[in-house]
Amino acid sequence: RTLSIIKPDATNRNLTGAINAMFEAGGLRIVGQKRIKMTLGQAQKFY
């Protein structure tokens, strides 16, 4: 299992479905998913 994040530039352009289709076509299954708005603090902690 690995983490994937579809970033703001892609969500702003409504590319979530297209990108997920590429993951699925490449043999990966989406087993957890949620749309969130990270706070600056969360982003700083994550990175």
ModelCIF file with pLDDT and N, C-alpha, C, O atoms, coordinates in Angstrom:
data_MODEL
#
_entry.id   MODEL 
#
_entity.id                         1 
_entity.type                       polymer 
_entity.pdbx_number_of_molecules   1 
#
_entity_poly.entity_id                      1 
_entity_poly.type                           'polypeptide(L)' 
_entity_poly.nstd_linkage                   no 
_entity_poly.nstd_monomer                   no 
_entity_poly.pdbx_seq_one_letter_code       RTLSIIKPDATNRNLTGAINAMFEAGGLRIVGQKRIKMTLGQAQKFY 
_entity_poly.pdbx_seq_one_letter_code_can   RTLSIIKPDATNRNLTGAINAMFEAGGLRIVGQKRIKMTLGQAQKFY 
_entity_poly.pdbx_strand_id                 A 
#
loop_
_entity_poly_seq.entity_id 
_entity_poly_seq.num 
_entity_poly_seq.mon_id 
_entity_poly_seq.hetero 
1 1  ARG n 
1 2  THR n 
1 3  LEU n 
1 4  SER n 
1 5  ILE n 
1 6  ILE n 
1 7  LYS n 
1 8  PRO n 
1 9  ASP n 
1 10 ALA n 
1 11 THR n 
1 12 ASN n 
1 13 ARG n 
1 14 ASN n 
1 15 LEU n 
1 16 THR n 
1 17 GLY n 
1 18 ALA n 
1 19 ILE n 
1 20 ASN n 
1 21 ALA n 
1 22 MET n 
1 23 PHE n 
1 24 GLU n 
1 25 ALA n 
1 26 GLY n 
1 27 GLY n 
1 28 LEU n 
1 29 ARG n 
1 30 ILE n 
1 31 VAL n 
1 32 GLY n 
1 33 GLN n 
1 34 LYS n 
1 35 ARG n 
1 36 ILE n 
1 37 LYS n 
1 38 MET n 
1 39 THR n 
1 40 LEU n 
1 41 GLY n 
1 42 GLN n 
1 43 ALA n 
1 44 GLN n 
1 45 LYS n 
1 46 PHE n 
1 47 TYR n 
#
_struct_asym.id          A 
_struct_asym.entity_id   1 
#
loop_
_ma_qa_metric.id 
_ma_qa_metric.mode 
_ma_qa_metric.name 
_ma_qa_metric.software_group_id 
_ma_qa_metric.type 
1 global pLDDT . pLDDT 
2 local  pLDDT . pLDDT 
#
_ma_qa_metric_global.metric_id      1 
_ma_qa_metric_global.metric_value   97.96 
_ma_qa_metric_global.model_id       1 
_ma_qa_metric_global.ordinal_id     1 
#
loop_
_ma_qa_metric_local.label_asym_id 
_ma_qa_metric_local.label_comp_id 
_ma_qa_metric_local.label_seq_id 
_ma_qa_metric_local.metric_id 
_ma_qa_metric_local.metric_value 
_ma_qa_metric_local.model_id 
_ma_qa_metric_local.ordinal_id 
A ARG 1  2 98.00 1 1  
A THR 2  2 98.00 1 2  
A LEU 3  2 98.00 1 3  
A SER 4  2 98.00 1 4  
A ILE 5  2 98.00 1 5  
A ILE 6  2 98.00 1 6  
A LYS 7  2 98.00 1 7  
A PRO 8  2 98.00 1 8  
A ASP 9  2 98.00 1 9  
A ALA 10 2 98.00 1 10 
A THR 11 2 98.00 1 11 
A ASN 12 2 98.00 1 12 
A ARG 13 2 98.00 1 13 
A ASN 14 2 98.00 1 14 
A LEU 15 2 98.00 1 15 
A THR 16 2 98.00 1 16 
A GLY 17 2 98.00 1 17 
A ALA 18 2 98.00 1 18 
A ILE 19 2 98.00 1 19 
A ASN 20 2 98.00 1 20 
A ALA 21 2 98.00 1 21 
A MET 22 2 98.00 1 22 
A PHE 23 2 98.00 1 23 
A GLU 24 2 98.00 1 24 
A ALA 25 2 98.00 1 25 
A GLY 26 2 98.00 1 26 
A GLY 27 2 98.00 1 27 
A LEU 28 2 98.00 1 28 
A ARG 29 2 98.00 1 29 
A ILE 30 2 98.00 1 30 
A VAL 31 2 98.00 1 31 
A GLY 32 2 98.00 1 32 
A GLN 33 2 98.00 1 33 
A LYS 34 2 98.00 1 34 
A ARG 35 2 98.00 1 35 
A ILE 36 2 98.00 1 36 
A LYS 37 2 98.00 1 37 
A MET 38 2 98.00 1 38 
A THR 39 2 98.00 1 39 
A LEU 40 2 98.00 1 40 
A GLY 41 2 98.00 1 41 
A GLN 42 2 98.00 1 42 
A ALA 43 2 98.00 1 43 
A GLN 44 2 98.00 1 44 
A LYS 45 2 98.00 1 45 
A PHE 46 2 98.00 1 46 
A TYR 47 2 96.00 1 47 
#
loop_
_atom_site.group_PDB 
_atom_site.id 
_atom_site.type_symbol 
_atom_site.label_atom_id 
_atom_site.label_alt_id 
_atom_site.label_comp_id 
_atom_site.label_asym_id 
_atom_site.label_entity_id 
_atom_site.label_seq_id 
_atom_site.pdbx_PDB_ins_code 
_atom_site.Cartn_x 
_atom_site.Cartn_y 
_atom_site.Cartn_z 
_atom_site.occupancy 
_atom_site.B_iso_or_equiv 
_atom_site.pdbx_formal_charge 
_atom_site.auth_seq_id 
_atom_site.auth_comp_id 
_atom_site.auth_asym_id 
_atom_site.auth_atom_id 
_atom_site.pdbx_PDB_model_num 
ATOM 1   N N  . ARG A 1 1  ? 0.856   -1.180 0.000   1.00 98.00 ? 1  ARG A N  1 
ATOM 2   C CA . ARG A 1 1  ? 0.000   0.000  0.000   1.00 98.00 ? 1  ARG A CA 1 
ATOM 3   C C  . ARG A 1 1  ? 0.894   1.232  0.000   1.00 98.00 ? 1  ARG A C  1 
ATOM 4   O O  . ARG A 1 1  ? 1.966   1.237  0.605   1.00 98.00 ? 1  ARG A O  1 
ATOM 5   N N  . THR A 1 2  ? 0.443   2.266  -0.679  1.00 98.00 ? 2  THR A N  1 
ATOM 6   C CA . THR A 1 2  ? 1.198   3.508  -0.745  1.00 98.00 ? 2  THR A CA 1 
ATOM 7   C C  . THR A 1 2  ? 0.234   4.681  -0.701  1.00 98.00 ? 2  THR A C  1 
ATOM 8   O O  . THR A 1 2  ? -0.951  4.536  -0.999  1.00 98.00 ? 2  THR A O  1 
ATOM 9   N N  . LEU A 1 3  ? 0.749   5.839  -0.329  1.00 98.00 ? 3  LEU A N  1 
ATOM 10  C CA . LEU A 1 3  ? -0.073  7.033  -0.301  1.00 98.00 ? 3  LEU A CA 1 
ATOM 11  C C  . LEU A 1 3  ? 0.047   7.775  -1.616  1.00 98.00 ? 3  LEU A C  1 
ATOM 12  O O  . LEU A 1 3  ? 1.127   7.874  -2.199  1.00 98.00 ? 3  LEU A O  1 
ATOM 13  N N  . SER A 1 4  ? -1.066  8.285  -2.064  1.00 98.00 ? 4  SER A N  1 
ATOM 14  C CA . SER A 1 4  ? -1.123  9.147  -3.231  1.00 98.00 ? 4  SER A CA 1 
ATOM 15  C C  . SER A 1 4  ? -1.888  10.403 -2.836  1.00 98.00 ? 4  SER A C  1 
ATOM 16  O O  . SER A 1 4  ? -2.892  10.333 -2.126  1.00 98.00 ? 4  SER A O  1 
ATOM 17  N N  . ILE A 1 5  ? -1.410  11.542 -3.298  1.00 98.00 ? 5  ILE A N  1 
ATOM 18  C CA . ILE A 1 5  ? -2.146  12.787 -3.119  1.00 98.00 ? 5  ILE A CA 1 
ATOM 19  C C  . ILE A 1 5  ? -2.337  13.415 -4.491  1.00 98.00 ? 5  ILE A C  1 
ATOM 20  O O  . ILE A 1 5  ? -1.377  13.629 -5.231  1.00 98.00 ? 5  ILE A O  1 
ATOM 21  N N  . ILE A 1 6  ? -3.580  13.705 -4.813  1.00 98.00 ? 6  ILE A N  1 
ATOM 22  C CA . ILE A 1 6  ? -3.863  14.499 -6.013  1.00 98.00 ? 6  ILE A CA 1 
ATOM 23  C C  . ILE A 1 6  ? -3.863  15.943 -5.541  1.00 98.00 ? 6  ILE A C  1 
ATOM 24  O O  . ILE A 1 6  ? -4.700  16.346 -4.733  1.00 98.00 ? 6  ILE A O  1 
ATOM 25  N N  . LYS A 1 7  ? -2.920  16.712 -6.054  1.00 98.00 ? 7  LYS A N  1 
ATOM 26  C CA . LYS A 1 7  ? -2.605  18.043 -5.554  1.00 98.00 ? 7  LYS A CA 1 
ATOM 27  C C  . LYS A 1 7  ? -3.593  19.117 -6.030  1.00 98.00 ? 7  LYS A C  1 
ATOM 28  O O  . LYS A 1 7  ? -4.398  18.884 -6.931  1.00 98.00 ? 7  LYS A O  1 
ATOM 29  N N  . PRO A 1 8  ? -3.513  20.316 -5.394  1.00 98.00 ? 8  PRO A N  1 
ATOM 30  C CA . PRO A 1 8  ? -4.449  21.389 -5.730  1.00 98.00 ? 8  PRO A CA 1 
ATOM 31  C C  . PRO A 1 8  ? -4.514  21.768 -7.211  1.00 98.00 ? 8  PRO A C  1 
ATOM 32  O O  . PRO A 1 8  ? -5.592  22.076 -7.718  1.00 98.00 ? 8  PRO A O  1 
ATOM 33  N N  . ASP A 1 9  ? -3.382  21.749 -7.908  1.00 98.00 ? 9  ASP A N  1 
ATOM 34  C CA . ASP A 1 9  ? -3.432  22.132 -9.320  1.00 98.00 ? 9  ASP A CA 1 
ATOM 35  C C  . ASP A 1 9  ? -4.305  21.169 -10.121 1.00 98.00 ? 9  ASP A C  1 
ATOM 36  O O  . ASP A 1 9  ? -4.936  21.572 -11.099 1.00 98.00 ? 9  ASP A O  1 
ATOM 37  N N  . ALA A 1 10 ? -4.344  19.908 -9.715  1.00 98.00 ? 10 ALA A N  1 
ATOM 38  C CA . ALA A 1 10 ? -5.151  18.906 -10.417 1.00 98.00 ? 10 ALA A CA 1 
ATOM 39  C C  . ALA A 1 10 ? -6.608  18.936 -9.954  1.00 98.00 ? 10 ALA A C  1 
ATOM 40  O O  . ALA A 1 10 ? -7.518  18.828 -10.776 1.00 98.00 ? 10 ALA A O  1 
ATOM 41  N N  . THR A 1 11 ? -6.840  19.084 -8.640  1.00 98.00 ? 11 THR A N  1 
ATOM 42  C CA . THR A 1 11 ? -8.233  19.128 -8.173  1.00 98.00 ? 11 THR A CA 1 
ATOM 43  C C  . THR A 1 11 ? -8.929  20.381 -8.695  1.00 98.00 ? 11 THR A C  1 
ATOM 44  O O  . THR A 1 11 ? -10.118 20.344 -9.011  1.00 98.00 ? 11 THR A O  1 
ATOM 45  N N  . ASN A 1 12 ? -8.200  21.482 -8.785  1.00 98.00 ? 12 ASN A N  1 
ATOM 46  C CA . ASN A 1 12 ? -8.779  22.718 -9.320  1.00 98.00 ? 12 ASN A CA 1 
ATOM 47  C C  . ASN A 1 12 ? -9.200  22.580 -10.781 1.00 98.00 ? 12 ASN A C  1 
ATOM 48  O O  . ASN A 1 12 ? -10.079 23.302 -11.253 1.00 98.00 ? 12 ASN A O  1 
ATOM 49  N N  . ARG A 1 13 ? -8.563  21.643 -11.493 1.00 98.00 ? 13 ARG A N  1 
ATOM 50  C CA . ARG A 1 13 ? -8.894  21.429 -12.911 1.00 98.00 ? 13 ARG A CA 1 
ATOM 51  C C  . ARG A 1 13 ? -9.775  20.194 -13.114 1.00 98.00 ? 13 ARG A C  1 
ATOM 52  O O  . ARG A 1 13 ? -9.932  19.717 -14.238 1.00 98.00 ? 13 ARG A O  1 
ATOM 53  N N  . ASN A 1 14 ? -10.351 19.677 -12.015 1.00 98.00 ? 14 ASN A N  1 
ATOM 54  C CA . ASN A 1 14 ? -11.260 18.527 -12.076 1.00 98.00 ? 14 ASN A CA 1 
ATOM 55  C C  . ASN A 1 14 ? -10.629 17.304 -12.741 1.00 98.00 ? 14 ASN A C  1 
ATOM 56  O O  . ASN A 1 14 ? -11.251 16.657 -13.583 1.00 98.00 ? 14 ASN A O  1 
ATOM 57  N N  . LEU A 1 15 ? -9.389  16.994 -12.355 1.00 98.00 ? 15 LEU A N  1 
ATOM 58  C CA . LEU A 1 15 ? -8.664  15.876 -12.961 1.00 98.00 ? 15 LEU A CA 1 
ATOM 59  C C  . LEU A 1 15 ? -8.637  14.624 -12.087 1.00 98.00 ? 15 LEU A C  1 
ATOM 60  O O  . LEU A 1 15 ? -7.984  13.641 -12.437 1.00 98.00 ? 15 LEU A O  1 
ATOM 61  N N  . THR A 1 16 ? -9.335  14.651 -10.963 1.00 98.00 ? 16 THR A N  1 
ATOM 62  C CA . THR A 1 16 ? -9.292  13.513 -10.040 1.00 98.00 ? 16 THR A CA 1 
ATOM 63  C C  . THR A 1 16 ? -9.664  12.208 -10.729 1.00 98.00 ? 16 THR A C  1 
ATOM 64  O O  . THR A 1 16 ? -8.932  11.225 -10.618 1.00 98.00 ? 16 THR A O  1 
ATOM 65  N N  . GLY A 1 17 ? -10.771 12.182 -11.428 1.00 98.00 ? 17 GLY A N  1 
ATOM 66  C CA . GLY A 1 17 ? -11.218 10.960 -12.095 1.00 98.00 ? 17 GLY A CA 1 
ATOM 67  C C  . GLY A 1 17 ? -10.244 10.483 -13.155 1.00 98.00 ? 17 GLY A C  1 
ATOM 68  O O  . GLY A 1 17 ? -9.965  9.288  -13.258 1.00 98.00 ? 17 GLY A O  1 
ATOM 69  N N  . ALA A 1 18 ? -9.726  11.415 -13.944 1.00 98.00 ? 18 ALA A N  1 
ATOM 70  C CA . ALA A 1 18 ? -8.781  11.049 -15.007 1.00 98.00 ? 18 ALA A CA 1 
ATOM 71  C C  . ALA A 1 18 ? -7.494  10.467 -14.419 1.00 98.00 ? 18 ALA A C  1 
ATOM 72  O O  . ALA A 1 18 ? -6.954  9.491  -14.938 1.00 98.00 ? 18 ALA A O  1 
ATOM 73  N N  . ILE A 1 19 ? -7.010  11.068 -13.341 1.00 98.00 ? 19 ILE A N  1 
ATOM 74  C CA . ILE A 1 19 ? -5.782  10.577 -12.706 1.00 98.00 ? 19 ILE A CA 1 
ATOM 75  C C  . ILE A 1 19 ? -6.041  9.222  -12.058 1.00 98.00 ? 19 ILE A C  1 
ATOM 76  O O  . ILE A 1 19 ? -5.223  8.311  -12.183 1.00 98.00 ? 19 ILE A O  1 
ATOM 77  N N  . ASN A 1 20 ? -7.165  9.082  -11.370 1.00 98.00 ? 20 ASN A N  1 
ATOM 78  C CA . ASN A 1 20 ? -7.485  7.787  -10.771 1.00 98.00 ? 20 ASN A CA 1 
ATOM 79  C C  . ASN A 1 20 ? -7.616  6.700  -11.823 1.00 98.00 ? 20 ASN A C  1 
ATOM 80  O O  . ASN A 1 20 ? -7.224  5.558  -11.580 1.00 98.00 ? 20 ASN A O  1 
ATOM 81  N N  . ALA A 1 21 ? -8.153  7.028  -12.974 1.00 98.00 ? 21 ALA A N  1 
ATOM 82  C CA . ALA A 1 21 ? -8.262  6.047  -14.061 1.00 98.00 ? 21 ALA A CA 1 
ATOM 83  C C  . ALA A 1 21 ? -6.867  5.568  -14.488 1.00 98.00 ? 21 ALA A C  1 
ATOM 84  O O  . ALA A 1 21 ? -6.691  4.399  -14.833 1.00 98.00 ? 21 ALA A O  1 
ATOM 85  N N  . MET A 1 22 ? -5.882  6.466  -14.464 1.00 98.00 ? 22 MET A N  1 
ATOM 86  C CA . MET A 1 22 ? -4.515  6.077  -14.824 1.00 98.00 ? 22 MET A CA 1 
ATOM 87  C C  . MET A 1 22 ? -3.925  5.124  -13.778 1.00 98.00 ? 22 MET A C  1 
ATOM 88  O O  . MET A 1 22 ? -3.241  4.161  -14.124 1.00 98.00 ? 22 MET A O  1 
ATOM 89  N N  . PHE A 1 23 ? -4.196  5.402  -12.492 1.00 98.00 ? 23 PHE A N  1 
ATOM 90  C CA . PHE A 1 23 ? -3.718  4.497  -11.439 1.00 98.00 ? 23 PHE A CA 1 
ATOM 91  C C  . PHE A 1 23 ? -4.357  3.122  -11.599 1.00 98.00 ? 23 PHE A C  1 
ATOM 92  O O  . PHE A 1 23 ? -3.677  2.098  -11.526 1.00 98.00 ? 23 PHE A O  1 
ATOM 93  N N  . GLU A 1 24 ? -5.660  3.107  -11.816 1.00 98.00 ? 24 GLU A N  1 
ATOM 94  C CA . GLU A 1 24 ? -6.372  1.833  -11.928 1.00 98.00 ? 24 GLU A CA 1 
ATOM 95  C C  . GLU A 1 24 ? -5.950  1.069  -13.181 1.00 98.00 ? 24 GLU A C  1 
ATOM 96  O O  . GLU A 1 24 ? -5.783  -0.150 -13.138 1.00 98.00 ? 24 GLU A O  1 
ATOM 97  N N  . ALA A 1 25 ? -5.779  1.771  -14.282 1.00 98.00 ? 25 ALA A N  1 
ATOM 98  C CA . ALA A 1 25 ? -5.324  1.115  -15.517 1.00 98.00 ? 25 ALA A CA 1 
ATOM 99  C C  . ALA A 1 25 ? -3.909  0.559  -15.348 1.00 98.00 ? 25 ALA A C  1 
ATOM 100 O O  . ALA A 1 25 ? -3.524  -0.398 -16.021 1.00 98.00 ? 25 ALA A O  1 
ATOM 101 N N  . GLY A 1 26 ? -3.141  1.170  -14.442 1.00 98.00 ? 26 GLY A N  1 
ATOM 102 C CA . GLY A 1 26 ? -1.778  0.720  -14.172 1.00 98.00 ? 26 GLY A CA 1 
ATOM 103 C C  . GLY A 1 26 ? -1.698  -0.406 -13.163 1.00 98.00 ? 26 GLY A C  1 
ATOM 104 O O  . GLY A 1 26 ? -0.604  -0.808 -12.767 1.00 98.00 ? 26 GLY A O  1 
ATOM 105 N N  . GLY A 1 27 ? -2.851  -0.923 -12.739 1.00 98.00 ? 27 GLY A N  1 
ATOM 106 C CA . GLY A 1 27 ? -2.859  -2.088 -11.861 1.00 98.00 ? 27 GLY A CA 1 
ATOM 107 C C  . GLY A 1 27 ? -2.989  -1.798 -10.378 1.00 98.00 ? 27 GLY A C  1 
ATOM 108 O O  . GLY A 1 27 ? -2.838  -2.709 -9.563  1.00 98.00 ? 27 GLY A O  1 
ATOM 109 N N  . LEU A 1 28 ? -3.268  -0.551 -10.002 1.00 98.00 ? 28 LEU A N  1 
ATOM 110 C CA . LEU A 1 28 ? -3.429  -0.203 -8.594  1.00 98.00 ? 28 LEU A CA 1 
ATOM 111 C C  . LEU A 1 28 ? -4.904  -0.051 -8.250  1.00 98.00 ? 28 LEU A C  1 
ATOM 112 O O  . LEU A 1 28 ? -5.697  0.415  -9.067  1.00 98.00 ? 28 LEU A O  1 
ATOM 113 N N  . ARG A 1 29 ? -5.262  -0.448 -7.038  1.00 98.00 ? 29 ARG A N  1 
ATOM 114 C CA . ARG A 1 29 ? -6.635  -0.307 -6.540  1.00 98.00 ? 29 ARG A CA 1 
ATOM 115 C C  . ARG A 1 29 ? -6.669  0.812  -5.520  1.00 98.00 ? 29 ARG A C  1 
ATOM 116 O O  . ARG A 1 29 ? -5.740  0.965  -4.727  1.00 98.00 ? 29 ARG A O  1 
ATOM 117 N N  . ILE A 1 30 ? -7.737  1.594  -5.538  1.00 98.00 ? 30 ILE A N  1 
ATOM 118 C CA . ILE A 1 30 ? -7.924  2.638  -4.543  1.00 98.00 ? 30 ILE A CA 1 
ATOM 119 C C  . ILE A 1 30 ? -8.687  2.007  -3.385  1.00 98.00 ? 30 ILE A C  1 
ATOM 120 O O  . ILE A 1 30 ? -9.854  1.645  -3.533  1.00 98.00 ? 30 ILE A O  1 
ATOM 121 N N  . VAL A 1 31 ? -8.028  1.872  -2.228  1.00 98.00 ? 31 VAL A N  1 
ATOM 122 C CA . VAL A 1 31 ? -8.644  1.204  -1.075  1.00 98.00 ? 31 VAL A CA 1 
ATOM 123 C C  . VAL A 1 31 ? -8.961  2.182  0.058   1.00 98.00 ? 31 VAL A C  1 
ATOM 124 O O  . VAL A 1 31 ? -9.512  1.787  1.085   1.00 98.00 ? 31 VAL A O  1 
ATOM 125 N N  . GLY A 1 32 ? -8.623  3.432  -0.126  1.00 98.00 ? 32 GLY A N  1 
ATOM 126 C CA . GLY A 1 32 ? -8.958  4.494  0.815   1.00 98.00 ? 32 GLY A CA 1 
ATOM 127 C C  . GLY A 1 32 ? -8.879  5.803  0.072   1.00 98.00 ? 32 GLY A C  1 
ATOM 128 O O  . GLY A 1 32 ? -7.966  6.019  -0.725  1.00 98.00 ? 32 GLY A O  1 
ATOM 129 N N  . GLN A 1 33 ? -9.846  6.695  0.333   1.00 98.00 ? 33 GLN A N  1 
ATOM 130 C CA . GLN A 1 33 ? -9.838  7.952  -0.415  1.00 98.00 ? 33 GLN A CA 1 
ATOM 131 C C  . GLN A 1 33 ? -10.688 8.988  0.313   1.00 98.00 ? 33 GLN A C  1 
ATOM 132 O O  . GLN A 1 33 ? -11.770 8.680  0.813   1.00 98.00 ? 33 GLN A O  1 
ATOM 133 N N  . LYS A 1 34 ? -10.181 10.224 0.366   1.00 98.00 ? 34 LYS A N  1 
ATOM 134 C CA . LYS A 1 34 ? -10.983 11.331 0.863   1.00 98.00 ? 34 LYS A CA 1 
ATOM 135 C C  . LYS A 1 34 ? -10.455 12.653 0.323   1.00 98.00 ? 34 LYS A C  1 
ATOM 136 O O  . LYS A 1 34 ? -9.259  12.833 0.092   1.00 98.00 ? 34 LYS A O  1 
ATOM 137 N N  . ARG A 1 35 ? -11.387 13.556 0.135   1.00 98.00 ? 35 ARG A N  1 
ATOM 138 C CA . ARG A 1 35 ? -11.056 14.912 -0.321  1.00 98.00 ? 35 ARG A CA 1 
ATOM 139 C C  . ARG A 1 35 ? -10.994 15.772 0.931   1.00 98.00 ? 35 ARG A C  1 
ATOM 140 O O  . ARG A 1 35 ? -11.945 15.817 1.711   1.00 98.00 ? 35 ARG A O  1 
ATOM 141 N N  . ILE A 1 36 ? -9.874  16.451 1.118   1.00 98.00 ? 36 ILE A N  1 
ATOM 142 C CA . ILE A 1 36 ? -9.675  17.278 2.302   1.00 98.00 ? 36 ILE A CA 1 
ATOM 143 C C  . ILE A 1 36 ? -9.069  18.619 1.901   1.00 98.00 ? 36 ILE A C  1 
ATOM 144 O O  . ILE A 1 36 ? -8.569  18.785 0.788   1.00 98.00 ? 36 ILE A O  1 
ATOM 145 N N  . LYS A 1 37 ? -9.123  19.553 2.812   1.00 98.00 ? 37 LYS A N  1 
ATOM 146 C CA . LYS A 1 37 ? -8.404  20.826 2.664   1.00 98.00 ? 37 LYS A CA 1 
ATOM 147 C C  . LYS A 1 37 ? -7.406  20.864 3.808   1.00 98.00 ? 37 LYS A C  1 
ATOM 148 O O  . LYS A 1 37 ? -7.776  21.093 4.960   1.00 98.00 ? 37 LYS A O  1 
ATOM 149 N N  . MET A 1 38 ? -6.141  20.638 3.487   1.00 98.00 ? 38 MET A N  1 
ATOM 150 C CA . MET A 1 38 ? -5.099  20.652 4.510   1.00 98.00 ? 38 MET A CA 1 
ATOM 151 C C  . MET A 1 38 ? -4.914  22.063 5.046   1.00 98.00 ? 38 MET A C  1 
ATOM 152 O O  . MET A 1 38 ? -4.968  23.037 4.294   1.00 98.00 ? 38 MET A O  1 
ATOM 153 N N  . THR A 1 39 ? -4.698  22.163 6.336   1.00 98.00 ? 39 THR A N  1 
ATOM 154 C CA . THR A 1 39 ? -4.298  23.443 6.909   1.00 98.00 ? 39 THR A CA 1 
ATOM 155 C C  . THR A 1 39 ? -2.810  23.626 6.608   1.00 98.00 ? 39 THR A C  1 
ATOM 156 O O  . THR A 1 39 ? -2.119  22.677 6.239   1.00 98.00 ? 39 THR A O  1 
ATOM 157 N N  . LEU A 1 40 ? -2.338  24.842 6.771   1.00 98.00 ? 40 LEU A N  1 
ATOM 158 C CA . LEU A 1 40 ? -0.908  25.084 6.592   1.00 98.00 ? 40 LEU A CA 1 
ATOM 159 C C  . LEU A 1 40 ? -0.113  24.249 7.597   1.00 98.00 ? 40 LEU A C  1 
ATOM 160 O O  . LEU A 1 40 ? 0.932   23.696 7.253   1.00 98.00 ? 40 LEU A O  1 
ATOM 161 N N  . GLY A 1 41 ? -0.598  24.157 8.825   1.00 98.00 ? 41 GLY A N  1 
ATOM 162 C CA . GLY A 1 41 ? 0.076   23.357 9.845   1.00 98.00 ? 41 GLY A CA 1 
ATOM 163 C C  . GLY A 1 41 ? 0.161   21.884 9.470   1.00 98.00 ? 41 GLY A C  1 
ATOM 164 O O  . GLY A 1 41 ? 1.199   21.252 9.668   1.00 98.00 ? 41 GLY A O  1 
ATOM 165 N N  . GLN A 1 42 ? -0.926  21.331 8.929   1.00 98.00 ? 42 GLN A N  1 
ATOM 166 C CA . GLN A 1 42 ? -0.900  19.928 8.487   1.00 98.00 ? 42 GLN A CA 1 
ATOM 167 C C  . GLN A 1 42 ? 0.112   19.733 7.365   1.00 98.00 ? 42 GLN A C  1 
ATOM 168 O O  . GLN A 1 42 ? 0.873   18.766 7.372   1.00 98.00 ? 42 GLN A O  1 
ATOM 169 N N  . ALA A 1 43 ? 0.120   20.649 6.404   1.00 98.00 ? 43 ALA A N  1 
ATOM 170 C CA . ALA A 1 43 ? 1.061   20.548 5.286   1.00 98.00 ? 43 ALA A CA 1 
ATOM 171 C C  . ALA A 1 43 ? 2.500   20.640 5.787   1.00 98.00 ? 43 ALA A C  1 
ATOM 172 O O  . ALA A 1 43 ? 3.370   19.903 5.322   1.00 98.00 ? 43 ALA A O  1 
ATOM 173 N N  . GLN A 1 44 ? 2.750   21.541 6.731   1.00 98.00 ? 44 GLN A N  1 
ATOM 174 C CA . GLN A 1 44 ? 4.095   21.674 7.279   1.00 98.00 ? 44 GLN A CA 1 
ATOM 175 C C  . GLN A 1 44 ? 4.526   20.407 8.017   1.00 98.00 ? 44 GLN A C  1 
ATOM 176 O O  . GLN A 1 44 ? 5.676   19.982 7.911   1.00 98.00 ? 44 GLN A O  1 
ATOM 177 N N  . LYS A 1 45 ? 3.606   19.812 8.757   1.00 98.00 ? 45 LYS A N  1 
ATOM 178 C CA . LYS A 1 45 ? 3.924   18.573 9.479   1.00 98.00 ? 45 LYS A CA 1 
ATOM 179 C C  . LYS A 1 45 ? 4.156   17.419 8.498   1.00 98.00 ? 45 LYS A C  1 
ATOM 180 O O  . LYS A 1 45 ? 5.095   16.640 8.661   1.00 98.00 ? 45 LYS A O  1 
ATOM 181 N N  . PHE A 1 46 ? 3.301   17.316 7.484   1.00 98.00 ? 46 PHE A N  1 
ATOM 182 C CA . PHE A 1 46 ? 3.438   16.236 6.515   1.00 98.00 ? 46 PHE A CA 1 
ATOM 183 C C  . PHE A 1 46 ? 4.768   16.331 5.758   1.00 98.00 ? 46 PHE A C  1 
ATOM 184 O O  . PHE A 1 46 ? 5.440   15.319 5.556   1.00 98.00 ? 46 PHE A O  1 
ATOM 185 N N  . TYR A 1 47 ? 5.144   17.534 5.345   1.00 96.00 ? 47 TYR A N  1 
ATOM 186 C CA . TYR A 1 47 ? 6.364   17.731 4.558   1.00 96.00 ? 47 TYR A CA 1 
ATOM 187 C C  . TYR A 1 47 ? 7.560   18.139 5.420   1.00 96.00 ? 47 TYR A C  1 
ATOM 188 O O  . TYR A 1 47 ? 8.657   18.341 4.899   1.00 96.00 ? 47 TYR A O  1 
#
